[in-house]
């Protein structure tokens, strides 16, 4: 896990000096307001690292990891958010499929865009094999009220994210507090922006947190492991359609290729499956032919038996 403020340390110290000297009262008025949105869960659980006067605030990474891992198995709250067009969206609408959740803030100029682009590349590698209809992705803006639907729409356009199964959502202040507590997401305002946990939360089809994947450059294999588990372990609908069966087999026949950074079909598994299917099919055909042969043999002996019985009588 890496922090957004790590890459801005020198700039943050410079801006922090300006804050101490009183010159940012006008130039950084929005940053002063943003400091109010530090979630209570970070402070109460000790996710904000203790610091000396005059130093830059930062996340206690060990405490932040504990908060994130403690959220695994927790039900996602059904709060209302707004999509890029300002329409109301509830997280319960995403149930039925696995969901990848990423927290960002649109005022970030380096780390959040890098994180989002890395997630985009990972998702491209996943949906080529799994299919984009198998899971959904949401990016949630946590710097409220600045991460408005308009700001989220502009951020998505700048990062060239055009996936149908990927939405950028803006929560209200109260909904944000509820979400960050439930997801175990920690962040703290700094003079350079925010120091926050970097990663993606994997939510299962029932809306329960399944795994946390940390890092500013998540890869397809990191997300593919929990996502593949959710897709293959989910119960098959009854009656199962042919398409659902084909999707299940296709996912089972994939393997991560470290050379390309994407999932690909493992043809050895495919050949084994085809060979096993042909074996069972041949056994069934042989059994059917043997049953028909024996049935014909029994029929051919029945008239002579009756005729012999009539002569004796």
Protein backbone atom coordinates (compact mmCIF):
# COMPACT_ATOMS: atom_id res chain seq x y z
CA UNK A 1 0.00 0.00 0.00
CA UNK A 2 1.33 3.44 -0.87
CA UNK A 3 0.11 6.89 0.14
CA UNK A 4 -0.88 9.75 -2.12
CA UNK A 5 1.18 12.21 -0.05
CA UNK A 6 4.40 10.19 -0.41
CA UNK A 7 5.00 11.49 -3.93
CA UNK A 8 4.27 15.07 -2.96
CA UNK A 9 6.35 15.22 0.23
CA UNK A 10 8.63 18.10 -0.78
CA UNK A 11 5.77 20.12 -2.21
CA UNK A 12 3.70 19.41 0.88
CA UNK A 13 6.41 20.70 3.20
CA UNK A 14 6.61 23.92 1.19
CA UNK A 15 2.87 24.44 1.27
CA UNK A 16 2.82 23.52 4.97
CA UNK A 17 5.31 26.30 5.64
CA UNK A 18 2.99 28.73 3.88
CA UNK A 19 0.11 27.50 6.02
CA UNK A 20 2.11 28.12 9.18
CA UNK A 21 3.01 31.61 8.01
CA UNK A 22 -0.65 32.41 7.35
CA UNK A 23 -0.42 33.03 3.60
CA UNK A 24 -2.77 30.20 2.55
CA UNK A 25 -5.87 31.67 4.19
CA UNK A 26 -6.87 32.99 0.76
CA UNK A 27 -4.96 30.85 -1.71
CA UNK A 28 -5.87 27.52 -0.07
CA UNK A 29 -9.31 28.25 1.32
CA UNK A 30 -10.75 25.11 -0.23
CA UNK A 31 -8.01 22.99 1.39
CA UNK A 32 -8.96 24.36 4.80
CA UNK A 33 -12.54 23.34 4.16
CA UNK A 34 -11.43 19.92 2.94
CA UNK A 35 -9.71 19.26 6.26
CA UNK A 36 -13.16 18.94 7.82
CA UNK A 37 -13.90 15.76 5.88
CA UNK A 38 -11.36 13.54 7.66
CA UNK A 39 -13.50 10.52 8.64
CA UNK A 40 -14.02 9.74 12.29
CA UNK A 41 -13.06 6.11 11.72
CA UNK A 42 -9.49 7.11 10.85
CA UNK A 43 -8.99 9.09 14.04
CA UNK A 44 -10.81 6.71 16.37
CA UNK A 45 -8.93 3.66 15.12
CA UNK A 46 -5.58 5.43 15.02
CA UNK A 47 -5.22 5.35 11.23
CA UNK A 48 -3.82 8.91 11.31
CA UNK A 49 -0.15 8.68 12.25
CA UNK A 50 0.95 10.83 15.22
CA UNK A 51 3.12 13.74 14.09
CA UNK A 52 5.28 16.49 15.47
CA UNK A 53 4.12 20.12 15.19
CA UNK A 54 4.94 21.53 11.77
CA UNK A 55 5.07 18.15 10.01
CA UNK A 56 2.69 16.94 7.31
CA UNK A 57 -0.26 14.73 8.40
CA UNK A 58 -0.17 11.18 7.09
CA UNK A 59 -1.87 7.81 7.36
CA UNK A 60 -0.63 5.18 9.77
CA UNK A 61 -0.36 2.40 7.17
CA UNK A 62 -0.44 -0.48 9.67
CA UNK A 63 -3.61 0.87 11.31
CA UNK A 64 -5.17 1.59 7.91
CA UNK A 65 -4.49 -2.00 6.80
CA UNK A 66 -6.11 -3.33 9.95
CA UNK A 67 -9.19 -1.20 9.30
CA UNK A 68 -9.40 -2.41 5.72
CA UNK A 69 -9.00 -6.08 6.56
CA UNK A 70 -11.54 -5.81 9.37
CA UNK A 71 -14.10 -4.78 6.74
CA UNK A 72 -13.84 -8.12 4.89
CA UNK A 73 -17.12 -9.99 5.33
CA UNK A 74 -19.05 -6.82 6.11
CA UNK A 75 -22.28 -5.99 4.26
CA UNK A 76 -22.03 -2.89 2.08
CA UNK A 77 -24.50 -0.20 3.24
CA UNK A 78 -27.28 0.61 0.79
CA UNK A 79 -26.68 4.37 0.65
CA UNK A 80 -27.74 6.70 -2.14
CA UNK A 81 -25.16 8.27 -4.44
CA UNK A 82 -25.29 10.27 -7.68
CA UNK A 83 -23.91 9.13 -11.01
CA UNK A 84 -22.15 11.37 -13.54
CA UNK A 85 -25.48 12.68 -14.77
CA UNK A 86 -26.71 13.50 -11.28
CA UNK A 87 -29.17 10.60 -11.18
CA UNK A 88 -29.69 8.78 -7.85
CA UNK A 89 -27.99 5.39 -7.58
CA UNK A 90 -28.08 2.89 -4.72
CA UNK A 91 -25.35 0.32 -4.19
CA UNK A 92 -28.01 -2.41 -3.93
CA UNK A 93 -28.54 -1.93 -7.69
CA UNK A 94 -25.17 -3.61 -8.27
CA UNK A 95 -26.06 -6.79 -6.41
CA UNK A 96 -26.25 -9.94 -8.50
CA UNK A 97 -22.71 -9.54 -9.85
CA UNK A 98 -19.29 -8.98 -8.27
CA UNK A 99 -18.39 -5.31 -7.84
CA UNK A 100 -14.98 -3.59 -7.85
CA UNK A 101 -14.91 -0.39 -5.75
CA UNK A 102 -12.20 2.28 -5.88
CA UNK A 103 -12.12 5.49 -3.78
CA UNK A 104 -10.57 8.52 -5.50
CA UNK A 105 -10.65 12.30 -5.40
CA UNK A 106 -10.80 14.33 -8.58
CA UNK A 107 -8.40 17.06 -7.41
CA UNK A 108 -5.51 14.59 -7.45
CA UNK A 109 -3.18 15.16 -10.40
CA UNK A 110 -0.92 12.11 -10.26
CA UNK A 111 -1.68 9.19 -7.95
CA UNK A 112 -5.48 8.87 -8.38
CA UNK A 113 -5.24 9.15 -12.19
CA UNK A 114 -2.43 6.56 -12.15
CA UNK A 115 -4.49 4.28 -9.93
CA UNK A 116 -7.55 4.66 -12.17
CA UNK A 117 -5.61 4.00 -15.37
CA UNK A 118 -4.01 0.91 -13.81
CA UNK A 119 -7.46 -0.33 -12.82
CA UNK A 120 -8.64 0.35 -16.37
CA UNK A 121 -5.84 -1.78 -17.82
CA UNK A 122 -6.56 -4.56 -15.31
CA UNK A 123 -10.27 -4.50 -16.14
CA UNK A 124 -9.51 -4.70 -19.87
CA UNK A 125 -7.41 -7.79 -19.20
CA UNK A 126 -10.21 -9.35 -17.16
CA UNK A 127 -13.20 -8.71 -19.36
CA UNK A 128 -11.52 -10.09 -22.50
CA UNK A 129 -11.94 -13.53 -20.96
CA UNK A 130 -14.55 -13.15 -18.19
CA UNK A 131 -16.71 -10.70 -20.16
CA UNK A 132 -17.71 -7.22 -19.02
CA UNK A 133 -21.24 -8.47 -18.32
CA UNK A 134 -19.87 -10.64 -15.48
CA UNK A 135 -18.93 -7.82 -13.05
CA UNK A 136 -19.26 -4.07 -12.41
CA UNK A 137 -16.83 -1.31 -11.41
CA UNK A 138 -17.47 1.94 -9.51
CA UNK A 139 -15.16 4.80 -8.58
CA UNK A 140 -16.39 6.85 -5.59
CA UNK A 141 -15.25 10.43 -5.02
CA UNK A 142 -14.53 11.00 -1.31
CA UNK A 143 -13.60 14.72 -1.37
CA UNK A 144 -17.06 16.13 -0.78
CA UNK A 145 -18.59 18.46 -1.79
CA UNK A 146 -15.91 18.98 -4.45
CA UNK A 147 -16.22 15.53 -6.07
CA UNK A 148 -19.60 16.42 -7.53
CA UNK A 149 -21.24 14.53 -10.42
CA UNK A 150 -19.81 17.13 -12.83
CA UNK A 151 -16.31 16.68 -11.39
CA UNK A 152 -16.60 12.89 -11.58
CA UNK A 153 -17.79 13.12 -15.19
CA UNK A 154 -14.82 15.33 -16.10
CA UNK A 155 -12.40 12.98 -14.33
CA UNK A 156 -13.80 9.95 -16.19
CA UNK A 157 -13.50 11.82 -19.49
CA UNK A 158 -9.92 12.86 -18.76
CA UNK A 159 -8.96 9.26 -17.99
CA UNK A 160 -10.85 8.04 -21.10
CA UNK A 161 -12.96 5.53 -19.17
CA UNK A 162 -15.87 4.53 -21.38
CA UNK A 163 -16.82 1.09 -20.08
CA UNK A 164 -20.54 0.31 -19.86
CA UNK A 165 -20.02 -1.57 -16.58
CA UNK A 166 -17.98 1.25 -14.94
CA UNK A 167 -19.66 4.17 -13.18
CA UNK A 168 -18.27 7.18 -11.29
CA UNK A 169 -20.35 8.01 -8.21
CA UNK A 170 -20.63 10.99 -5.90
CA UNK A 171 -21.96 10.45 -2.35
CA UNK A 172 -23.36 13.03 0.05
CA UNK A 173 -21.40 13.90 3.20
CA UNK A 174 -23.43 11.61 5.46
CA UNK A 175 -23.39 8.75 2.94
CA UNK A 176 -19.61 9.19 2.59
CA UNK A 177 -19.04 8.71 6.33
CA UNK A 178 -21.18 5.57 6.25
CA UNK A 179 -19.29 4.20 3.23
CA UNK A 180 -15.78 4.86 4.54
CA UNK A 181 -16.60 3.19 7.86
CA UNK A 182 -18.11 0.15 6.14
CA UNK A 183 -15.26 -0.25 3.63
CA UNK A 184 -12.54 0.44 6.19
CA UNK A 185 -11.25 3.26 3.97
CA UNK A 186 -8.92 5.77 5.68
CA UNK A 187 -7.89 9.22 4.46
CA UNK A 188 -6.61 12.47 5.93
CA UNK A 189 -6.32 15.96 4.46
CA UNK A 190 -2.81 17.31 3.89
CA UNK A 191 -1.55 20.62 2.42
CA UNK A 192 -0.86 18.69 -0.82
CA UNK A 193 -4.31 17.11 -1.03
CA UNK A 194 -5.09 13.82 0.75
CA UNK A 195 -3.11 10.94 2.14
CA UNK A 196 -5.31 7.88 1.66
CA UNK A 197 -5.39 4.13 1.21
CA UNK A 198 -4.76 3.01 -2.36
CA UNK A 199 -6.43 -0.11 -3.67
CA UNK A 200 -9.62 -1.79 -4.83
CA UNK A 201 -12.33 -3.49 -2.76
CA UNK A 202 -13.90 -6.63 -4.21
CA UNK A 203 -17.60 -7.04 -3.27
CA UNK A 204 -19.49 -10.26 -3.94
CA UNK A 205 -22.85 -10.59 -5.69
CA UNK A 206 -24.76 -10.40 -2.40
CA UNK A 207 -23.19 -7.05 -1.49
CA UNK A 208 -20.66 -8.38 1.03
CA UNK A 209 -17.00 -7.30 1.04
CA UNK A 210 -14.96 -10.26 -0.20
CA UNK A 211 -11.37 -8.97 -0.43
CA UNK A 212 -9.12 -5.89 -0.35
CA UNK A 213 -6.49 -5.51 -3.07
CA UNK A 214 -3.93 -2.82 -2.15
CA UNK A 215 -1.61 -0.81 -4.37
CA UNK A 216 -1.64 2.16 -6.72
CA UNK A 217 -1.11 -0.12 -9.75
CA UNK A 218 -3.38 -3.13 -9.27
CA UNK A 219 -2.86 -5.85 -11.87
CA UNK A 220 -5.25 -8.19 -13.59
CA UNK A 221 -3.92 -11.19 -11.69
CA UNK A 222 -4.44 -9.49 -8.31
CA UNK A 223 -8.07 -8.75 -9.10
CA UNK A 224 -8.55 -11.91 -11.14
CA UNK A 225 -7.96 -14.28 -8.21
CA UNK A 226 -10.88 -13.09 -6.01
CA UNK A 227 -13.05 -12.25 -9.02
CA UNK A 228 -12.57 -15.66 -10.59
CA UNK A 229 -13.35 -17.30 -7.25
CA UNK A 230 -16.62 -15.38 -6.97
CA UNK A 231 -17.62 -16.16 -10.56
CA UNK A 232 -16.90 -19.89 -10.33
CA UNK A 233 -18.26 -20.44 -6.81
CA UNK A 234 -21.60 -18.72 -7.36
CA UNK A 235 -24.58 -21.11 -7.52
CA UNK A 236 -25.82 -22.03 -10.98
CA UNK A 237 -29.31 -20.71 -11.67
CA UNK A 238 -31.98 -23.36 -12.14
CA UNK A 239 -32.67 -24.14 -14.87
CA UNK A 240 -29.14 -23.29 -16.05
CA UNK A 241 -29.01 -21.78 -19.53
CA UNK A 242 -26.51 -22.91 -22.13
CA UNK A 243 -24.90 -19.47 -22.06
CA UNK A 244 -24.36 -19.63 -18.28
CA UNK A 245 -22.77 -23.08 -18.59
CA UNK A 246 -20.47 -21.87 -21.39
CA UNK A 247 -19.45 -18.82 -19.32
CA UNK A 248 -18.66 -21.02 -16.33
CA UNK A 249 -16.51 -23.38 -18.41
CA UNK A 250 -14.77 -20.46 -20.13
CA UNK A 251 -13.80 -18.88 -16.80
CA UNK A 252 -12.54 -22.21 -15.46
CA UNK A 253 -10.31 -22.57 -18.53
CA UNK A 254 -8.40 -19.30 -17.97
CA UNK A 255 -4.96 -18.73 -16.51
CA UNK A 256 -2.96 -15.55 -15.87
CA UNK A 257 -0.08 -14.90 -18.28
CA UNK A 258 2.63 -12.80 -16.58
CA UNK A 259 4.27 -12.03 -19.94
CA UNK A 260 1.22 -10.19 -21.26
CA UNK A 261 -0.29 -9.15 -17.91
CA UNK A 262 -3.65 -10.57 -18.95
CA UNK A 263 -5.74 -13.70 -18.52
CA UNK A 264 -5.73 -16.15 -21.42
CA UNK A 265 -7.25 -19.51 -22.21
CA UNK A 266 -5.30 -22.52 -20.93
CA UNK A 267 -5.63 -24.90 -23.88
CA UNK A 268 -4.31 -27.84 -21.86
CA UNK A 269 -7.35 -27.55 -19.60
CA UNK A 270 -9.61 -27.21 -22.64
CA UNK A 271 -8.13 -30.35 -24.22
CA UNK A 272 -8.54 -32.25 -20.94
CA UNK A 273 -12.18 -31.17 -20.67
CA UNK A 274 -12.88 -32.11 -24.30
CA UNK A 275 -11.11 -35.46 -23.83
CA UNK A 276 -13.10 -36.21 -20.68
CA UNK A 277 -16.36 -35.24 -22.38
CA UNK A 278 -15.59 -37.47 -25.36
CA UNK A 279 -14.74 -40.37 -23.04
CA UNK A 280 -18.03 -40.10 -21.16
CA UNK A 281 -19.90 -39.67 -24.44
CA UNK A 282 -18.29 -42.81 -25.86
CA UNK A 283 -19.24 -44.74 -22.71
CA UNK A 284 -22.84 -43.56 -23.04
CA UNK A 285 -22.96 -44.49 -26.74
CA UNK A 286 -21.41 -47.90 -26.06
CA UNK A 287 -23.92 -48.52 -23.25
CA UNK A 288 -26.82 -47.53 -25.50
CA UNK A 289 -25.65 -49.82 -28.32
CA UNK A 290 -25.11 -52.72 -25.91
CA UNK A 291 -28.57 -52.23 -24.42
CA UNK A 292 -30.15 -52.21 -27.89
CA UNK A 293 -28.27 -55.38 -28.92
CA UNK A 294 -29.39 -57.26 -25.83
CA UNK A 295 -32.97 -56.06 -26.26
CA UNK A 296 -33.06 -57.33 -29.88
CA UNK A 297 -31.61 -60.65 -28.76
CA UNK A 298 -34.36 -61.06 -26.15
CA UNK A 299 -37.06 -60.21 -28.70
CA UNK A 300 -35.72 -62.77 -31.21
CA UNK A 301 -35.90 -65.59 -28.65
CA UNK A 302 -39.43 -64.84 -27.40
CA UNK A 303 -41.48 -66.35 -30.41
CA UNK A 304 -39.59 -69.66 -30.43
CA UNK A 305 -40.16 -70.01 -26.72
CA UNK A 306 -43.92 -69.47 -27.10
CA UNK A 307 -44.07 -71.89 -30.05
CA UNK A 308 -42.26 -74.58 -28.11
CA UNK A 309 -44.64 -74.13 -25.22
CA UNK A 310 -47.71 -74.51 -27.50
CA UNK A 311 -46.42 -77.79 -29.07
CA UNK A 312 -45.88 -79.32 -25.68
CA UNK A 313 -49.37 -78.45 -24.60
